[in-house]
Amino acid sequence: MKILLISPHFWPANDPRSNRWTALTQHWAEKGHELLVLTAKYGGQPTNQYRKGVHICRKAYKKPEDFFFHPKQRHQARRKNRFQLLYRLNKTFWKPLHWPDASALWYLPARREAFRMIKTFQPDRLISVALPITAHAVALAVKKRYPKLPWLADWGDPFSLQKLCPPNNRRVYQHLNIWLEQQIFKQAETLTFTAETTLKAYVNLFPQASAKCQLIPPLINPEQDFSAFAKYQPPEKNQPLRMAYFGGFSPKLREPLTALRLLQALLNRGGRSFTLQIYGRLPEPLIKQIRAFSFVQYQGLISATEVVQKMAQADLLLSIGNRSALHLPSKSVEYLRAPKPVLHIQQVKNDPVMQVFQNTPGFLSLAAQEPAFTQIEIWLKNFQALSPKEALDRKQKAEKYNIKNIASAYEDLLFRQKAMSPER
C-alpha cells in the first residue's frame, strides 16, 4: 500500500501527534508499505530525507514563530525581549484574525506540494492528521481534485467543538469552522478519534457521518524502554515522596494552578510531604503559575527516552485531567503501562482518563471540585509501590495501546476503503 500522510507535526518534533504518527509510519514501512509524509519545516532539518524507510518532505513553516526561533531555542528564548514582542504581536494581531488556525500560512505551500506528490508518488491512500485542521484543509483540496483517492481523516483533538482553547476567533469564524468540518466529514471515507467522548460529540453534530467514525485510542510510544523501572528503590517512610507530572498544558483547557493549589492544601494539612517535578511544554502565560509553589520544580520538555528514565525515578505519577471531556491526554496510556501509582486530578464528571484506568490497581482520583483529602492522606501515608502482580496486570491492560495493535486498527480501516488510484 502507498500512503501519503499530511501532518505538520512529525519527527523530530516532540509532541503527541508527531510521536504517534512517526511511530506508525515507521512500523508500516517495516511491514513493506510505502510511506510519503508531507510535513512542515522544522529547524535545520533538510527539505527531503529518508528515515527508517519513510520519505519525509518538509514544506514551509507551520507557524509564524517558527520563522524566528529554532524549536530547541524557543524555551530558552522565552524571557528575551524579541520573544516577548513576538508573543504580544501574535496574541494581539495574528491569533484574533487567522483562520482556520495558527497554521493557516502553511496551507497554500502544502497544498501545492500535495498536488505535486499525487502526480509523482501516485498514492492509493491519503491520511491527514489534525489538529491543526489546516492539515485536513489541505487533504480536502486533494480529495476534491482526486475524488477516487480514499481519505482517512484523523482527529487528535476537536476543532469547532473547542470552547476553552479555540483554534481561532469563534465569535467571528464559528460558522466557517462548522462549514469546514462538514466538508471534511462529507468527503472523507473514514474519520478516526482517540477519545470516545469526542467521537460521540461529533456523531451528534454530524449524524449523517456516524458510520464513518471510528475509535482508535492513544499509542504507547514504542521507543520507550520500560525495563528502566526494574532499578527503582521505594523511599523510606520518613522521606518525602517524589511525584512527577509528564505532559503539556494549555491555557483554560488544562492548567497547573488548580492541581497545585490542591496539592499545596494537602501539604498544609501536615500529612506526608512530597515534591513535584513537572516535565513538558509550558506555555508562556502558565509559567508564572508554578513559581508560588516551593514544592514544585519545572524541568521543561524532555525526549521520549528521558521520560521513562524520569518516570522510573519517581515514586508516583501525577495526572491532571482536562476541563473538557473531549480531550484524552495521550500520556494517560503510558501512565497505565508504567508500574507506578497514579494520582489523578479529575476536573470534569465524564473525564475519559477515568475510563482508561477503570478497575486499575494503584490508581486514585481526586475530584477538583470536592476533594476527598482524607482518602488521599491515608493513601500517601501508607504509600506502597505496585506489587509484581499489580505491575503485570497493568502491563497486560496496556497491551491494547501498543504499536502493533494501534497500527493494525488503522490498517484494517485503510484496507476496507475501496482501493482506487487517484484520477490523474
Protein backbone atom coordinates (compact mmCIF):
# COMPACT_ATOMS: atom_id res chain seq x y z
CA MET A 1 0.00 0.00 0.00
CA LYS A 2 1.25 3.50 -0.91
CA ILE A 3 0.25 6.04 1.73
CA LEU A 4 0.53 9.82 1.64
CA LEU A 5 0.40 11.32 5.15
CA ILE A 6 -0.27 15.04 5.63
CA SER A 7 0.73 16.23 9.10
CA PRO A 8 2.55 19.46 10.06
CA HIS A 9 3.68 17.61 13.22
CA PHE A 10 6.28 14.93 12.55
CA TRP A 11 9.73 13.78 13.60
CA PRO A 12 11.82 15.25 15.20
CA ALA A 13 9.11 17.39 16.83
CA ASN A 14 8.36 16.16 20.35
CA ASP A 15 4.59 16.33 20.71
CA PRO A 16 1.76 13.77 20.85
CA ARG A 17 0.81 13.82 17.16
CA SER A 18 4.41 13.76 15.97
CA ASN A 19 5.32 10.86 18.25
CA ARG A 20 2.19 8.89 17.30
CA TRP A 21 2.48 9.23 13.53
CA THR A 22 6.25 8.92 13.38
CA ALA A 23 5.94 5.56 15.14
CA LEU A 24 3.03 4.40 12.95
CA THR A 25 4.68 5.28 9.63
CA GLN A 26 7.93 3.58 10.65
CA HIS A 27 6.02 0.48 11.68
CA TRP A 28 4.18 0.37 8.36
CA ALA A 29 7.43 0.90 6.43
CA GLU A 30 8.91 -2.13 8.21
CA LYS A 31 5.90 -4.15 7.02
CA GLY A 32 6.55 -3.18 3.40
CA HIS A 33 4.18 -0.26 2.86
CA GLU A 34 5.48 2.83 1.02
CA LEU A 35 5.20 5.99 3.09
CA LEU A 36 5.50 9.60 1.94
CA VAL A 37 5.00 12.29 4.60
CA LEU A 38 4.19 15.93 3.84
CA THR A 39 5.07 17.94 6.93
CA ALA A 40 6.32 21.39 7.93
CA LYS A 41 9.86 22.69 8.12
CA TYR A 42 11.50 22.03 11.45
CA GLY A 43 14.67 23.85 12.49
CA GLY A 44 17.59 22.87 10.28
CA GLN A 45 16.14 19.58 9.04
CA PRO A 46 16.58 19.00 5.26
CA THR A 47 13.70 19.54 2.86
CA ASN A 48 13.76 15.90 1.78
CA GLN A 49 15.07 12.94 3.74
CA TYR A 50 14.59 9.22 4.26
CA ARG A 51 14.40 7.95 7.83
CA LYS A 52 13.68 4.36 8.80
CA GLY A 53 12.01 3.63 5.49
CA VAL A 54 9.85 6.78 5.46
CA HIS A 55 10.27 9.56 2.87
CA ILE A 56 9.80 12.92 4.61
CA CYS A 57 9.16 16.11 2.66
CA ARG A 58 9.17 19.41 4.56
CA LYS A 59 7.39 22.41 3.08
CA ALA A 60 7.16 25.83 4.76
CA TYR A 61 6.83 26.53 8.47
CA LYS A 62 3.61 25.61 10.24
CA LYS A 63 3.50 28.71 12.49
CA PRO A 64 4.85 32.29 12.15
CA GLU A 65 7.10 31.96 15.22
CA ASP A 66 8.94 29.07 13.57
CA PHE A 67 10.45 31.61 11.16
CA PHE A 68 12.27 33.30 14.04
CA PHE A 69 13.16 30.58 16.55
CA HIS A 70 14.59 27.11 16.22
CA PRO A 71 12.26 24.78 18.20
CA LYS A 72 15.02 23.87 20.65
CA GLN A 73 15.81 27.56 21.26
CA ARG A 74 12.24 28.62 21.99
CA HIS A 75 12.23 27.59 25.64
CA GLN A 76 15.49 29.44 26.38
CA ALA A 77 14.24 32.50 24.45
CA ARG A 78 11.02 32.97 26.42
CA ARG A 79 12.38 35.72 28.63
CA LYS A 80 14.20 37.60 25.87
CA ASN A 81 12.74 40.86 24.58
CA ARG A 82 12.40 39.63 21.00
CA PHE A 83 10.35 36.63 22.07
CA GLN A 84 8.14 38.78 24.31
CA LEU A 85 7.50 41.16 21.43
CA LEU A 86 6.61 38.34 19.05
CA TYR A 87 4.37 36.78 21.69
CA ARG A 88 2.43 40.04 22.15
CA LEU A 89 2.13 40.59 18.39
CA ASN A 90 0.86 37.05 17.94
CA LYS A 91 -1.70 37.43 20.73
CA THR A 92 -2.86 40.89 19.62
CA PHE A 93 -2.91 40.61 15.83
CA TRP A 94 -2.39 37.11 14.43
CA LYS A 95 -4.47 35.00 16.83
CA PRO A 96 -7.71 37.05 16.54
CA LEU A 97 -7.51 37.09 12.72
CA HIS A 98 -6.12 33.77 11.49
CA TRP A 99 -8.36 31.06 10.03
CA PRO A 100 -8.74 28.14 10.28
CA ASP A 101 -5.93 28.03 12.88
CA ALA A 102 -2.40 29.20 13.63
CA SER A 103 -1.01 27.05 10.78
CA ALA A 104 -3.01 28.95 8.13
CA LEU A 105 0.17 30.14 6.36
CA TRP A 106 1.14 26.50 5.78
CA TYR A 107 -1.96 25.82 3.71
CA LEU A 108 -1.01 27.16 0.26
CA PRO A 109 2.57 25.82 0.05
CA ALA A 110 1.45 22.46 1.48
CA ARG A 111 -1.46 22.30 -0.95
CA ARG A 112 0.82 22.90 -3.95
CA GLU A 113 3.27 20.29 -2.70
CA ALA A 114 0.47 17.78 -2.08
CA PHE A 115 -0.73 18.10 -5.69
CA ARG A 116 2.83 17.55 -6.92
CA MET A 117 3.19 14.48 -4.69
CA ILE A 118 -0.02 12.94 -6.02
CA LYS A 119 1.35 13.09 -9.57
CA THR A 120 4.81 11.71 -8.75
CA PHE A 121 4.11 9.31 -5.87
CA GLN A 122 0.65 8.16 -7.02
CA PRO A 123 -0.57 7.02 -3.58
CA ASP A 124 -3.55 4.74 -3.16
CA ARG A 125 -4.42 6.01 0.35
CA LEU A 126 -4.45 9.50 1.90
CA ILE A 127 -4.22 10.24 5.66
CA SER A 128 -4.36 13.68 7.27
CA VAL A 129 -3.85 14.46 10.95
CA ALA A 130 -5.43 17.25 12.99
CA LEU A 131 -5.06 19.43 14.86
CA PRO A 132 -4.07 21.73 13.20
CA ILE A 133 -7.11 21.42 10.99
CA THR A 134 -5.10 23.10 8.25
CA ALA A 135 -3.79 19.58 7.51
CA HIS A 136 -7.38 18.42 6.88
CA ALA A 137 -7.99 21.52 4.74
CA VAL A 138 -5.04 20.54 2.53
CA ALA A 139 -6.32 16.97 2.30
CA LEU A 140 -9.80 18.27 1.46
CA ALA A 141 -8.37 20.19 -1.51
CA VAL A 142 -6.61 16.99 -2.64
CA LYS A 143 -9.80 14.96 -2.27
CA LYS A 144 -11.81 17.42 -4.36
CA ARG A 145 -9.28 17.22 -7.18
CA TYR A 146 -8.81 13.44 -6.85
CA PRO A 147 -12.20 12.18 -5.61
CA LYS A 148 -11.32 8.48 -6.07
CA LEU A 149 -8.38 8.66 -3.64
CA PRO A 150 -9.57 7.12 -0.31
CA TRP A 151 -9.05 9.54 2.60
CA LEU A 152 -8.75 8.86 6.34
CA ALA A 153 -9.03 11.99 8.50
CA ASP A 154 -7.60 11.50 12.00
CA TRP A 155 -8.68 13.78 14.87
CA GLY A 156 -6.28 14.12 17.78
CA ASP A 157 -8.41 16.96 19.17
CA PRO A 158 -11.75 18.56 18.24
CA PHE A 159 -11.96 21.76 16.20
CA SER A 160 -15.30 23.60 16.17
CA LEU A 161 -16.22 21.97 19.49
CA GLN A 162 -13.20 23.53 21.21
CA LYS A 163 -14.59 26.19 23.53
CA LEU A 164 -11.94 26.58 26.23
CA CYS A 165 -8.95 26.93 23.89
CA PRO A 166 -10.44 27.62 20.46
CA PRO A 167 -8.05 27.45 17.47
CA ASN A 168 -9.38 30.76 16.14
CA ASN A 169 -11.77 33.61 16.91
CA ARG A 170 -15.01 31.66 17.50
CA ARG A 171 -17.17 34.80 17.56
CA VAL A 172 -16.09 35.63 14.01
CA TYR A 173 -15.40 32.24 12.47
CA GLN A 174 -17.57 29.63 14.21
CA HIS A 175 -19.92 29.32 11.23
CA LEU A 176 -16.88 28.75 8.98
CA ASN A 177 -15.45 26.26 11.46
CA ILE A 178 -18.56 24.11 11.27
CA TRP A 179 -18.75 24.51 7.48
CA LEU A 180 -15.15 23.29 7.08
CA GLU A 181 -15.74 20.31 9.36
CA GLN A 182 -18.94 19.50 7.50
CA GLN A 183 -16.98 19.34 4.24
CA ILE A 184 -14.36 17.07 5.82
CA PHE A 185 -16.96 14.72 7.30
CA LYS A 186 -18.72 14.60 3.93
CA GLN A 187 -15.65 13.93 1.78
CA ALA A 188 -13.51 11.63 3.95
CA GLU A 189 -14.22 7.90 3.76
CA THR A 190 -13.09 7.34 7.36
CA LEU A 191 -12.81 9.59 10.45
CA THR A 192 -10.86 8.36 13.47
CA PHE A 193 -10.83 9.66 17.05
CA THR A 194 -8.72 8.84 20.11
CA ALA A 195 -11.47 9.53 22.68
CA GLU A 196 -14.97 8.06 22.69
CA THR A 197 -16.36 11.27 24.16
CA THR A 198 -15.08 13.22 21.13
CA LEU A 199 -16.42 10.64 18.68
CA LYS A 200 -19.90 10.77 20.24
CA ALA A 201 -19.90 14.59 20.23
CA TYR A 202 -19.15 14.65 16.51
CA VAL A 203 -21.70 11.96 15.75
CA ASN A 204 -24.27 14.21 17.42
CA LEU A 205 -23.05 17.16 15.33
CA PHE A 206 -22.89 15.25 12.03
CA PRO A 207 -25.20 12.21 12.43
CA GLN A 208 -25.14 11.53 8.68
CA ALA A 209 -21.42 10.62 9.00
CA SER A 210 -21.80 8.32 12.03
CA ALA A 211 -20.95 5.15 10.06
CA LYS A 212 -17.62 6.69 9.06
CA CYS A 213 -16.49 7.46 12.63
CA GLN A 214 -14.16 5.01 14.33
CA LEU A 215 -12.35 4.93 17.69
CA ILE A 216 -8.59 4.27 17.76
CA PRO A 217 -7.12 5.03 21.20
CA PRO A 218 -3.79 6.67 22.11
CA LEU A 219 -0.50 4.92 21.42
CA ILE A 220 2.25 3.94 23.85
CA ASN A 221 5.47 5.26 22.34
CA PRO A 222 7.41 2.17 21.18
CA GLU A 223 10.74 3.94 21.73
CA GLN A 224 10.23 3.88 25.48
CA ASP A 225 12.11 1.13 27.31
CA PHE A 226 10.12 0.21 30.42
CA SER A 227 12.89 -2.07 31.72
CA ALA A 228 14.29 1.04 33.46
CA PHE A 229 11.65 0.58 36.18
CA ALA A 230 13.44 -2.53 37.49
CA LYS A 231 16.06 -0.29 39.17
CA TYR A 232 13.51 1.63 41.26
CA GLN A 233 14.00 1.79 45.02
CA PRO A 234 11.00 2.89 47.15
CA PRO A 235 11.63 5.68 49.69
CA GLU A 236 11.84 5.19 53.42
CA LYS A 237 8.70 6.10 55.39
CA ASN A 238 10.25 9.29 56.74
CA GLN A 239 11.34 10.52 53.31
CA PRO A 240 9.27 12.83 51.06
CA LEU A 241 7.60 11.14 48.12
CA ARG A 242 8.87 12.04 44.65
CA MET A 243 5.90 12.95 42.48
CA ALA A 244 6.27 13.64 38.72
CA TYR A 245 3.99 15.04 36.04
CA PHE A 246 4.58 14.43 32.32
CA GLY A 247 2.65 16.25 29.60
CA GLY A 248 1.72 19.63 28.23
CA PHE A 249 -0.54 22.40 29.44
CA SER A 250 -2.98 24.62 27.55
CA PRO A 251 -4.46 27.86 28.88
CA LYS A 252 -8.01 27.31 30.20
CA LEU A 253 -8.16 23.68 29.00
CA ARG A 254 -5.53 22.18 31.30
CA GLU A 255 -3.62 24.49 33.61
CA PRO A 256 -1.39 23.55 36.55
CA LEU A 257 -2.85 26.06 39.02
CA THR A 258 -5.90 24.07 40.19
CA ALA A 259 -3.84 20.92 40.76
CA LEU A 260 -1.02 22.79 42.51
CA ARG A 261 -3.45 24.51 44.88
CA LEU A 262 -4.98 21.15 45.79
CA LEU A 263 -1.54 19.66 46.42
CA GLN A 264 -0.50 22.68 48.48
CA ALA A 265 -3.65 22.31 50.59
CA LEU A 266 -2.76 18.65 51.07
CA LEU A 267 0.73 19.59 52.27
CA ASN A 268 -0.69 22.23 54.60
CA ARG A 269 -2.75 19.56 56.38
CA GLY A 270 0.51 18.11 57.72
CA GLY A 271 0.44 14.68 56.16
CA ARG A 272 3.24 13.00 54.27
CA SER A 273 5.40 15.50 52.41
CA PHE A 274 6.25 15.29 48.73
CA THR A 275 7.97 17.14 45.92
CA LEU A 276 6.74 17.54 42.35
CA GLN A 277 8.77 17.59 39.14
CA ILE A 278 6.93 18.89 36.05
CA TYR A 279 8.16 17.73 32.63
CA GLY A 280 6.57 19.07 29.47
CA ARG A 281 5.80 22.12 27.36
CA LEU A 282 4.56 25.02 29.47
CA PRO A 283 3.10 27.98 27.51
CA GLU A 284 4.23 31.47 28.44
CA PRO A 285 1.08 32.51 30.38
CA LEU A 286 1.35 29.42 32.61
CA ILE A 287 5.00 29.69 33.64
CA LYS A 288 4.14 32.20 36.37
CA GLN A 289 1.58 29.86 37.92
CA ILE A 290 4.17 27.45 39.33
CA ARG A 291 6.56 29.99 40.88
CA ALA A 292 4.49 30.46 44.03
CA PHE A 293 4.77 26.76 44.96
CA SER A 294 8.02 25.83 46.67
CA PHE A 295 7.46 22.08 46.38
CA VAL A 296 7.40 22.26 42.55
CA GLN A 297 10.25 22.29 40.05
CA TYR A 298 9.62 22.85 36.35
CA GLN A 299 12.06 20.82 34.24
CA GLY A 300 10.84 21.64 30.72
CA LEU A 301 10.31 19.37 27.74
CA ILE A 302 12.37 16.16 27.60
CA SER A 303 12.77 13.40 24.99
CA ALA A 304 10.70 10.20 24.90
CA THR A 305 13.65 8.13 26.14
CA GLU A 306 14.23 10.52 29.05
CA VAL A 307 10.56 10.31 30.01
CA VAL A 308 10.87 6.65 31.01
CA GLN A 309 14.05 7.31 32.99
CA LYS A 310 12.37 10.10 34.96
CA MET A 311 9.23 8.01 35.48
CA ALA A 312 11.36 5.20 36.87
CA GLN A 313 12.92 7.57 39.42
CA ALA A 314 9.55 8.88 40.64
CA ASP A 315 7.53 7.28 43.43
CA LEU A 316 4.17 8.20 41.95
CA LEU A 317 2.86 9.91 38.82
CA LEU A 318 0.57 12.93 38.79
CA SER A 319 -2.16 13.06 36.15
CA ILE A 320 -4.12 16.27 35.56
CA GLY A 321 -7.39 15.93 33.70
CA ASN A 322 -8.75 18.47 31.24
CA ARG A 323 -11.61 20.84 31.89
CA SER A 324 -13.31 19.35 28.84
CA ALA A 325 -14.30 15.72 28.35
CA LEU A 326 -13.48 15.97 24.62
CA HIS A 327 -9.74 15.62 25.22
CA LEU A 328 -7.88 12.49 26.33
CA PRO A 329 -4.23 13.18 27.26
CA SER A 330 -2.07 10.79 25.21
CA LYS A 331 0.23 10.35 28.20
CA SER A 332 -2.56 8.52 30.07
CA VAL A 333 -1.87 5.19 28.37
CA GLU A 334 1.85 5.45 29.15
CA TYR A 335 0.94 6.13 32.78
CA LEU A 336 -1.16 2.97 32.62
CA ARG A 337 1.79 0.96 31.29
CA ALA A 338 4.24 2.34 33.86
CA PRO A 339 4.33 0.24 37.08
CA LYS A 340 3.76 3.32 39.26
CA PRO A 341 0.89 4.53 41.44
CA VAL A 342 -1.05 7.35 39.75
CA LEU A 343 -2.80 10.29 41.44
CA HIS A 344 -5.31 11.84 39.03
CA ILE A 345 -6.86 15.31 39.41
CA GLN A 346 -10.33 14.99 37.89
CA GLN A 347 -11.88 18.26 36.67
CA VAL A 348 -14.99 17.06 34.79
CA LYS A 349 -17.50 14.33 35.60
CA ASN A 350 -17.10 12.28 32.40
CA ASP A 351 -13.30 12.56 32.25
CA PRO A 352 -12.10 9.97 29.64
CA VAL A 353 -8.99 9.28 31.75
CA MET A 354 -11.25 7.55 34.28
CA GLN A 355 -12.28 5.06 31.60
CA VAL A 356 -8.63 4.26 30.78
CA PHE A 357 -7.89 3.47 34.43
CA GLN A 358 -11.17 1.76 35.31
CA ASN A 359 -10.56 -1.05 37.85
CA THR A 360 -6.80 -0.44 37.66
CA PRO A 361 -4.58 -1.12 40.70
CA GLY A 362 -2.55 1.78 42.05
CA PHE A 363 -4.88 4.49 40.73
CA LEU A 364 -6.60 7.12 42.86
CA SER A 365 -8.63 10.10 41.68
CA LEU A 366 -9.00 13.43 43.48
CA ALA A 367 -12.02 15.47 42.41
CA ALA A 368 -11.03 19.10 41.89
CA GLN A 369 -14.45 20.41 42.93
CA GLU A 370 -14.96 18.25 46.04
CA PRO A 371 -11.52 16.94 47.04
CA ALA A 372 -11.52 13.97 49.45
CA PHE A 373 -8.28 14.84 51.21
CA THR A 374 -8.63 12.22 53.92
CA GLN A 375 -8.59 9.36 51.44
CA ILE A 376 -5.50 10.80 49.71
CA GLU A 377 -3.74 11.36 53.03
CA ILE A 378 -4.23 7.74 54.03
CA TRP A 379 -3.05 6.62 50.58
CA LEU A 380 0.12 8.71 50.83
CA LYS A 381 0.80 7.78 54.46
CA ASN A 382 0.61 4.08 53.64
CA PHE A 383 2.31 4.53 50.29
CA GLN A 384 3.39 1.29 48.62
CA ALA A 385 4.96 0.60 45.26
CA LEU A 386 3.00 -1.69 42.96
CA SER A 387 3.41 -5.38 43.64
CA PRO A 388 4.74 -7.62 40.82
CA LYS A 389 1.20 -8.92 40.24
CA GLU A 390 -0.24 -5.40 40.04
CA ALA A 391 2.53 -4.34 37.66
CA LEU A 392 1.77 -7.36 35.48
CA ASP A 393 -1.95 -6.55 35.49
CA ARG A 394 -1.18 -3.01 34.34
CA LYS A 395 1.15 -4.27 31.60
CA GLN A 396 -1.48 -6.66 30.26
CA LYS A 397 -4.17 -3.99 30.33
CA ALA A 398 -1.90 -1.63 28.38
CA GLU A 399 -1.30 -4.16 25.57
CA LYS A 400 -4.23 -2.78 23.58
CA TYR A 401 -2.32 0.52 23.22
CA ASN A 402 0.92 -0.91 21.77
CA ILE A 403 2.18 -0.11 18.28
CA LYS A 404 1.14 -3.45 16.79
CA ASN A 405 -2.49 -3.14 17.84
CA ILE A 406 -2.90 0.57 17.03
CA ALA A 407 -1.21 0.22 13.62
CA SER A 408 -3.35 -2.82 12.80
CA ALA A 409 -6.52 -0.93 13.69
CA TYR A 410 -5.64 1.79 11.18
CA GLU A 411 -4.61 -0.78 8.56
CA ASP A 412 -7.95 -2.58 8.88
CA LEU A 413 -9.75 0.68 8.12
CA LEU A 414 -7.45 1.52 5.22
CA PHE A 415 -7.90 -1.91 3.64
CA ARG A 416 -11.68 -1.61 3.96
CA GLN A 417 -11.59 1.51 1.83
CA LYS A 418 -12.13 0.83 -1.85
CA ALA A 419 -8.69 0.60 -3.42
CA MET A 420 -8.66 3.02 -6.34
CA SER A 421 -5.82 5.09 -7.72
CA PRO A 422 -6.43 8.83 -7.91
CA GLU A 423 -7.53 10.28 -11.22
CA ARG A 424 -4.62 11.87 -12.96
